[in-house]
Amino acid sequence: MSSGSNPEIDRRLEQTIIDLLEKRALTSTICPSDAARAVGDDDWRDLMDASRSAAARLVAQGEVEITQGGEPVDLATARGPIRIRRLRP
């Protein structure tokens, strides 16, 4: 799979992030690699940037937030591993 922008893959990654989070407790998080693995199978590494971008779009839509060390962070300035979680009430 290509790491270039692909609207179908982008939509699948967004939906996969939502689906994975819905299957977990409200307090649980996922890694962008979880969505990339679910969509990309053996080629999941090629989808890591796309998965992070999908998470960023979901943040912009008010669906999820990005965390590091359990605290919300701005993906644009985050360095290193991130987690994705549902917004908390």
C-alpha atoms as a PDB file:
ATOM      1  CA  MET A   1       0.000   0.000   0.000  1.00  0.00           C
ATOM      2  CA  SER A   2       1.167   3.500  -0.710  1.00  0.00           C
ATOM      3  CA  SER A   3       1.660   6.110   1.978  1.00  0.00           C
ATOM      4  CA  GLY A   4       0.271   8.787  -0.376  1.00  0.00           C
ATOM      5  CA  SER A   5      -3.149  10.281   0.266  1.00  0.00           C
ATOM      6  CA  ASN A   6      -5.925   7.881  -0.660  1.00  0.00           C
ATOM      7  CA  PRO A   7      -9.457   9.031   0.227  1.00  0.00           C
ATOM      8  CA  GLU A   8     -10.754   5.466   0.592  1.00  0.00           C
ATOM      9  CA  ILE A   9      -7.917   4.450   2.920  1.00  0.00           C
ATOM     10  CA  ASP A  10      -8.280   7.728   4.835  1.00  0.00           C
ATOM     11  CA  ARG A  11     -11.990   7.050   5.446  1.00  0.00           C
ATOM     12  CA  ARG A  12     -11.278   3.439   6.433  1.00  0.00           C
ATOM     13  CA  LEU A  13      -8.642   4.561   8.933  1.00  0.00           C
ATOM     14  CA  GLU A  14     -10.985   7.136  10.479  1.00  0.00           C
ATOM     15  CA  GLN A  15     -13.781   4.590  10.798  1.00  0.00           C
ATOM     16  CA  THR A  16     -11.401   1.965  12.158  1.00  0.00           C
ATOM     17  CA  ILE A  17     -10.175   4.355  14.864  1.00  0.00           C
ATOM     18  CA  ILE A  18     -13.781   5.024  15.901  1.00  0.00           C
ATOM     19  CA  ASP A  19     -14.667   1.313  15.777  1.00  0.00           C
ATOM     20  CA  LEU A  20     -11.648   0.280  17.849  1.00  0.00           C
ATOM     21  CA  LEU A  21     -12.379   2.910  20.481  1.00  0.00           C
ATOM     22  CA  GLU A  22     -16.055   1.941  20.680  1.00  0.00           C
ATOM     23  CA  LYS A  23     -15.032  -1.635  21.507  1.00  0.00           C
ATOM     24  CA  ARG A  24     -12.997  -0.451  24.495  1.00  0.00           C
ATOM     25  CA  ALA A  25     -13.807   1.207  27.786  1.00  0.00           C
ATOM     26  CA  LEU A  26     -14.321   4.979  27.710  1.00  0.00           C
ATOM     27  CA  THR A  27     -11.006   5.425  29.507  1.00  0.00           C
ATOM     28  CA  SER A  28      -9.056   3.226  27.073  1.00  0.00           C
ATOM     29  CA  THR A  29      -6.756   4.447  24.324  1.00  0.00           C
ATOM     30  CA  ILE A  30      -5.424   3.009  21.097  1.00  0.00           C
ATOM     31  CA  CYS A  31      -2.213   3.530  19.196  1.00  0.00           C
ATOM     32  CA  PRO A  32      -2.360   4.777  15.604  1.00  0.00           C
ATOM     33  CA  SER A  33      -0.638   1.504  14.706  1.00  0.00           C
ATOM     34  CA  ASP A  34      -3.739  -0.407  15.857  1.00  0.00           C
ATOM     35  CA  ALA A  35      -5.774   1.233  13.093  1.00  0.00           C
ATOM     36  CA  ALA A  36      -2.944   0.920  10.574  1.00  0.00           C
ATOM     37  CA  ARG A  37      -2.641  -2.808  11.309  1.00  0.00           C
ATOM     38  CA  ALA A  38      -6.394  -3.334  10.986  1.00  0.00           C
ATOM     39  CA  VAL A  39      -6.507  -1.617   7.589  1.00  0.00           C
ATOM     40  CA  GLY A  40      -3.101  -2.442   6.136  1.00  0.00           C
ATOM     41  CA  ASP A  41      -2.442  -6.014   7.279  1.00  0.00           C
ATOM     42  CA  ASP A  42       1.216  -6.794   6.475  1.00  0.00           C
ATOM     43  CA  ASP A  43       1.723  -3.321   4.960  1.00  0.00           C
ATOM     44  CA  TRP A  44       0.558  -1.499   8.093  1.00  0.00           C
ATOM     45  CA  ARG A  45       3.824   0.418   8.551  1.00  0.00           C
ATOM     46  CA  ASP A  46       3.160   2.206   5.262  1.00  0.00           C
ATOM     47  CA  LEU A  47      -0.075   3.545   6.790  1.00  0.00           C
ATOM     48  CA  MET A  48       1.353   5.041   9.989  1.00  0.00           C
ATOM     49  CA  ASP A  49       1.461   8.628   8.700  1.00  0.00           C
ATOM     50  CA  ALA A  50      -2.018   8.224   7.229  1.00  0.00           C
ATOM     51  CA  SER A  51      -3.284   6.832  10.534  1.00  0.00           C
ATOM     52  CA  ARG A  52      -1.892   9.791  12.463  1.00  0.00           C
ATOM     53  CA  SER A  53      -3.493  12.111   9.890  1.00  0.00           C
ATOM     54  CA  ALA A  54      -6.817  10.304  10.291  1.00  0.00           C
ATOM     55  CA  ALA A  55      -6.560  10.841  14.045  1.00  0.00           C
ATOM     56  CA  ALA A  56      -5.864  14.536  13.459  1.00  0.00           C
ATOM     57  CA  ARG A  57      -8.988  14.841  11.293  1.00  0.00           C
ATOM     58  CA  LEU A  58     -11.045  13.149  14.017  1.00  0.00           C
ATOM     59  CA  VAL A  59      -9.632  15.602  16.563  1.00  0.00           C
ATOM     60  CA  ALA A  60     -10.716  18.482  14.299  1.00  0.00           C
ATOM     61  CA  GLN A  61     -14.205  16.940  14.121  1.00  0.00           C
ATOM     62  CA  GLY A  62     -14.402  16.714  17.906  1.00  0.00           C
ATOM     63  CA  GLU A  63     -14.495  12.907  17.927  1.00  0.00           C
ATOM     64  CA  VAL A  64     -11.233  12.032  19.708  1.00  0.00           C
ATOM     65  CA  GLU A  65      -8.203  13.532  21.398  1.00  0.00           C
ATOM     66  CA  ILE A  66      -4.514  12.764  21.175  1.00  0.00           C
ATOM     67  CA  THR A  67      -2.626  12.035  24.381  1.00  0.00           C
ATOM     68  CA  GLN A  68       0.889  11.492  25.626  1.00  0.00           C
ATOM     69  CA  GLY A  69       1.436  10.350  29.175  1.00  0.00           C
ATOM     70  CA  GLY A  70      -2.336  10.390  29.653  1.00  0.00           C
ATOM     71  CA  GLU A  71      -2.595  14.130  28.964  1.00  0.00           C
ATOM     72  CA  PRO A  72      -4.140  15.732  25.866  1.00  0.00           C
ATOM     73  CA  VAL A  73      -1.577  17.125  23.416  1.00  0.00           C
ATOM     74  CA  ASP A  74      -1.576  18.913  20.091  1.00  0.00           C
ATOM     75  CA  LEU A  75      -0.598  16.393  17.420  1.00  0.00           C
ATOM     76  CA  ALA A  76       1.148  19.126  15.440  1.00  0.00           C
ATOM     77  CA  THR A  77       3.676  19.610  18.246  1.00  0.00           C
ATOM     78  CA  ALA A  78       3.706  16.105  19.748  1.00  0.00           C
ATOM     79  CA  ARG A  79       6.949  14.193  19.388  1.00  0.00           C
ATOM     80  CA  GLY A  80       7.199  10.467  19.864  1.00  0.00           C
ATOM     81  CA  PRO A  81       4.489   7.899  20.539  1.00  0.00           C
ATOM     82  CA  ILE A  82       0.923   9.098  20.872  1.00  0.00           C
ATOM     83  CA  ARG A  83      -2.341   7.508  21.954  1.00  0.00           C
ATOM     84  CA  ILE A  84      -5.884   8.197  20.750  1.00  0.00           C
ATOM     85  CA  ARG A  85      -8.917   8.265  23.050  1.00  0.00           C
ATOM     86  CA  ARG A  86     -12.522   9.303  22.922  1.00  0.00           C
ATOM     87  CA  LEU A  87     -13.297  12.754  24.208  1.00  0.00           C
ATOM     88  CA  ARG A  88     -14.125  12.719  27.880  1.00  0.00           C
ATOM     89  CA  PRO A  89     -17.335  14.346  29.080  1.00  0.00           C
END
